[in-house]
Amino acid sequence: MSEIFCDIVPHQAGWVFVSKGAQSPAYPCYHMAVEAALQQAADAASGSRDFVLRRQDLKGRMHRIADENEADPRLEEVGIAH
């Protein structure tokens, strides 16, 4: 099973998510960007791929978001990998 990464990153106008080389519009807060990324993952859900949500820290490193959204049932519904 292949993974599709969806990265939540800071932007001059707030936060954006980047997936498969495409950047979303800017969202004013981090949580709105995560919600939009989850919605996109649900819309594009495919049984052969896992979506991996990651966030960028202040040093530019990417971290999986599993810790912050562990209890969110939507992650399982759309095949989000922890």
N, C-alpha and C. Protein backbone atom coordinates (compact mmCIF):
# COMPACT_ATOMS: atom_id res chain seq x y z
N MET A 1 0.85 -1.17 0.00
CA MET A 1 0.00 0.00 0.00
C MET A 1 0.90 1.24 0.00
N SER A 2 0.64 2.18 -0.87
CA SER A 2 1.46 3.38 -0.94
C SER A 2 0.86 4.48 -0.06
N GLU A 3 1.70 5.43 0.29
CA GLU A 3 1.27 6.54 1.13
C GLU A 3 1.25 7.83 0.33
N ILE A 4 0.28 8.66 0.63
CA ILE A 4 0.22 10.01 0.08
C ILE A 4 0.40 10.95 1.27
N PHE A 5 1.41 11.79 1.18
CA PHE A 5 1.67 12.73 2.26
C PHE A 5 0.90 14.02 2.04
N CYS A 6 0.34 14.52 3.11
CA CYS A 6 -0.37 15.79 3.10
C CYS A 6 0.27 16.61 4.21
N ASP A 7 1.02 17.63 3.81
CA ASP A 7 1.81 18.40 4.76
C ASP A 7 1.12 19.72 5.09
N ILE A 8 0.97 19.99 6.39
CA ILE A 8 0.41 21.24 6.88
C ILE A 8 1.61 22.14 7.19
N VAL A 9 1.71 23.26 6.48
CA VAL A 9 2.89 24.12 6.63
C VAL A 9 2.49 25.57 6.83
N PRO A 10 3.33 26.33 7.55
CA PRO A 10 3.04 27.75 7.71
C PRO A 10 3.17 28.49 6.39
N HIS A 11 2.40 29.55 6.27
CA HIS A 11 2.37 30.36 5.06
C HIS A 11 2.26 31.81 5.50
N GLN A 12 2.69 32.73 4.68
CA GLN A 12 2.65 34.15 5.08
C GLN A 12 1.23 34.62 5.41
N ALA A 13 0.22 33.95 4.87
CA ALA A 13 -1.17 34.34 5.14
C ALA A 13 -1.85 33.40 6.13
N GLY A 14 -1.10 32.52 6.79
CA GLY A 14 -1.68 31.58 7.76
C GLY A 14 -1.06 30.21 7.62
N TRP A 15 -1.88 29.23 7.22
CA TRP A 15 -1.44 27.85 7.05
C TRP A 15 -2.01 27.30 5.74
N VAL A 16 -1.26 26.41 5.10
CA VAL A 16 -1.72 25.72 3.90
C VAL A 16 -1.41 24.25 4.06
N PHE A 17 -2.02 23.42 3.21
CA PHE A 17 -1.59 22.03 3.13
C PHE A 17 -1.14 21.77 1.71
N VAL A 18 -0.16 20.89 1.59
CA VAL A 18 0.40 20.54 0.30
C VAL A 18 0.28 19.03 0.15
N SER A 19 -0.32 18.60 -0.96
CA SER A 19 -0.47 17.17 -1.23
C SER A 19 -0.31 16.94 -2.72
N LYS A 20 0.48 15.97 -3.06
CA LYS A 20 0.74 15.61 -4.45
C LYS A 20 1.18 16.82 -5.26
N GLY A 21 2.00 17.67 -4.65
CA GLY A 21 2.54 18.83 -5.35
C GLY A 21 1.62 20.02 -5.48
N ALA A 22 0.40 19.91 -4.99
CA ALA A 22 -0.57 21.01 -5.09
C ALA A 22 -0.76 21.66 -3.72
N GLN A 23 -0.78 22.98 -3.71
CA GLN A 23 -0.96 23.72 -2.47
C GLN A 23 -2.39 24.21 -2.35
N SER A 24 -2.92 24.13 -1.15
CA SER A 24 -4.28 24.61 -0.89
C SER A 24 -4.27 26.13 -0.77
N PRO A 25 -5.46 26.72 -0.74
CA PRO A 25 -5.54 28.14 -0.37
C PRO A 25 -5.07 28.28 1.08
N ALA A 26 -4.71 29.48 1.48
CA ALA A 26 -4.28 29.73 2.86
C ALA A 26 -5.47 29.76 3.81
N TYR A 27 -5.27 29.21 5.00
CA TYR A 27 -6.27 29.23 6.06
C TYR A 27 -5.72 30.06 7.21
N PRO A 28 -6.56 30.82 7.90
CA PRO A 28 -6.06 31.72 8.94
C PRO A 28 -5.50 31.02 10.17
N CYS A 29 -5.88 29.76 10.40
CA CYS A 29 -5.33 29.06 11.56
C CYS A 29 -4.99 27.61 11.19
N TYR A 30 -4.13 27.05 12.00
CA TYR A 30 -3.65 25.68 11.80
C TYR A 30 -4.79 24.68 11.77
N HIS A 31 -5.71 24.79 12.70
CA HIS A 31 -6.81 23.81 12.80
C HIS A 31 -7.71 23.83 11.57
N MET A 32 -7.92 25.00 10.99
CA MET A 32 -8.72 25.07 9.76
C MET A 32 -8.00 24.37 8.60
N ALA A 33 -6.69 24.50 8.54
CA ALA A 33 -5.92 23.82 7.49
C ALA A 33 -6.00 22.31 7.67
N VAL A 34 -5.93 21.84 8.92
CA VAL A 34 -6.04 20.40 9.19
C VAL A 34 -7.43 19.91 8.78
N GLU A 35 -8.46 20.65 9.16
CA GLU A 35 -9.83 20.26 8.79
C GLU A 35 -9.98 20.15 7.27
N ALA A 36 -9.44 21.13 6.55
CA ALA A 36 -9.53 21.11 5.09
C ALA A 36 -8.75 19.93 4.51
N ALA A 37 -7.60 19.63 5.08
CA ALA A 37 -6.81 18.49 4.61
C ALA A 37 -7.55 17.18 4.86
N LEU A 38 -8.21 17.07 6.02
CA LEU A 38 -8.99 15.87 6.31
C LEU A 38 -10.15 15.72 5.32
N GLN A 39 -10.78 16.85 4.98
CA GLN A 39 -11.89 16.81 4.03
C GLN A 39 -11.39 16.36 2.66
N GLN A 40 -10.24 16.89 2.23
CA GLN A 40 -9.69 16.47 0.94
C GLN A 40 -9.35 14.99 0.96
N ALA A 41 -8.80 14.51 2.07
CA ALA A 41 -8.46 13.10 2.18
C ALA A 41 -9.72 12.24 2.08
N ALA A 42 -10.80 12.69 2.72
CA ALA A 42 -12.07 11.95 2.66
C ALA A 42 -12.62 11.93 1.24
N ASP A 43 -12.52 13.07 0.55
CA ASP A 43 -13.02 13.15 -0.83
C ASP A 43 -12.23 12.28 -1.79
N ALA A 44 -10.94 12.13 -1.52
CA ALA A 44 -10.06 11.39 -2.43
C ALA A 44 -9.71 10.00 -1.91
N ALA A 45 -10.42 9.54 -0.89
CA ALA A 45 -10.09 8.25 -0.27
C ALA A 45 -10.05 7.14 -1.30
N SER A 46 -9.01 6.35 -1.19
CA SER A 46 -8.81 5.21 -2.08
C SER A 46 -8.32 4.05 -1.24
N GLY A 47 -8.83 2.88 -1.46
CA GLY A 47 -8.46 1.71 -0.68
C GLY A 47 -7.01 1.30 -0.83
N SER A 48 -6.35 1.77 -1.87
CA SER A 48 -4.97 1.32 -2.10
C SER A 48 -3.93 2.28 -1.56
N ARG A 49 -4.35 3.38 -0.94
CA ARG A 49 -3.39 4.37 -0.45
C ARG A 49 -3.77 4.84 0.94
N ASP A 50 -2.76 5.16 1.73
CA ASP A 50 -2.95 5.77 3.04
C ASP A 50 -2.55 7.23 2.95
N PHE A 51 -3.36 8.10 3.53
CA PHE A 51 -3.00 9.51 3.63
C PHE A 51 -2.26 9.70 4.93
N VAL A 52 -1.14 10.36 4.88
CA VAL A 52 -0.33 10.64 6.06
C VAL A 52 -0.30 12.15 6.25
N LEU A 53 -0.94 12.61 7.32
CA LEU A 53 -0.93 14.03 7.63
C LEU A 53 0.33 14.35 8.43
N ARG A 54 1.03 15.40 8.00
CA ARG A 54 2.23 15.83 8.71
C ARG A 54 2.18 17.34 8.89
N ARG A 55 2.91 17.82 9.90
CA ARG A 55 3.03 19.26 10.11
C ARG A 55 4.51 19.62 10.14
N GLN A 56 4.79 20.86 9.79
CA GLN A 56 6.16 21.33 9.78
C GLN A 56 6.43 22.09 11.07
N ASP A 57 7.55 21.76 11.74
CA ASP A 57 7.89 22.49 12.95
C ASP A 57 8.71 23.73 12.59
N LEU A 58 9.11 24.48 13.59
CA LEU A 58 9.82 25.73 13.36
C LEU A 58 11.21 25.54 12.74
N LYS A 59 11.74 24.33 12.82
CA LYS A 59 13.05 24.05 12.23
C LYS A 59 12.92 23.40 10.85
N GLY A 60 11.68 23.31 10.33
CA GLY A 60 11.46 22.77 9.00
C GLY A 60 11.31 21.26 8.94
N ARG A 61 11.32 20.58 10.08
CA ARG A 61 11.17 19.13 10.10
C ARG A 61 9.69 18.76 10.04
N MET A 62 9.40 17.63 9.39
CA MET A 62 8.01 17.17 9.27
C MET A 62 7.73 16.12 10.34
N HIS A 63 6.56 16.21 10.97
CA HIS A 63 6.13 15.27 12.01
C HIS A 63 4.72 14.80 11.69
N ARG A 64 4.47 13.50 11.88
CA ARG A 64 3.12 12.99 11.70
C ARG A 64 2.20 13.64 12.71
N ILE A 65 0.97 13.87 12.34
CA ILE A 65 0.01 14.56 13.20
C ILE A 65 -0.75 13.59 14.10
N ALA A 66 -0.45 12.33 14.06
CA ALA A 66 -1.20 11.32 14.80
C ALA A 66 -1.41 11.68 16.26
N ASP A 67 -0.40 12.21 16.93
CA ASP A 67 -0.53 12.52 18.35
C ASP A 67 -1.65 13.51 18.62
N GLU A 68 -1.80 14.50 17.75
CA GLU A 68 -2.80 15.53 17.96
C GLU A 68 -4.21 15.06 17.61
N ASN A 69 -4.34 14.09 16.71
CA ASN A 69 -5.66 13.69 16.20
C ASN A 69 -5.97 12.22 16.46
N GLU A 70 -5.28 11.62 17.41
CA GLU A 70 -5.41 10.19 17.66
C GLU A 70 -6.87 9.78 17.88
N ALA A 71 -7.64 10.59 18.58
CA ALA A 71 -9.01 10.22 18.91
C ALA A 71 -10.00 10.62 17.83
N ASP A 72 -9.54 11.19 16.74
CA ASP A 72 -10.44 11.67 15.69
C ASP A 72 -10.85 10.50 14.80
N PRO A 73 -12.12 10.05 14.86
CA PRO A 73 -12.54 8.89 14.09
C PRO A 73 -12.46 9.10 12.57
N ARG A 74 -12.45 10.36 12.11
CA ARG A 74 -12.36 10.61 10.67
C ARG A 74 -11.04 10.10 10.10
N LEU A 75 -10.00 10.04 10.93
CA LEU A 75 -8.72 9.56 10.45
C LEU A 75 -8.83 8.12 9.96
N GLU A 76 -9.54 7.30 10.70
CA GLU A 76 -9.72 5.91 10.30
C GLU A 76 -10.65 5.80 9.10
N GLU A 77 -11.69 6.65 9.07
CA GLU A 77 -12.66 6.58 7.99
C GLU A 77 -12.03 6.83 6.62
N VAL A 78 -11.04 7.70 6.56
CA VAL A 78 -10.44 8.05 5.27
C VAL A 78 -9.11 7.37 5.05
N GLY A 79 -8.70 6.46 5.96
CA GLY A 79 -7.46 5.73 5.77
C GLY A 79 -6.23 6.55 6.09
N ILE A 80 -6.30 7.43 7.09
CA ILE A 80 -5.14 8.23 7.46
C ILE A 80 -4.19 7.33 8.27
N ALA A 81 -2.94 7.27 7.86
CA ALA A 81 -1.96 6.46 8.57
C ALA A 81 -1.42 7.23 9.76
N HIS A 82 -1.24 6.52 10.87
CA HIS A 82 -0.65 7.15 12.06
C HIS A 82 0.83 6.86 12.07
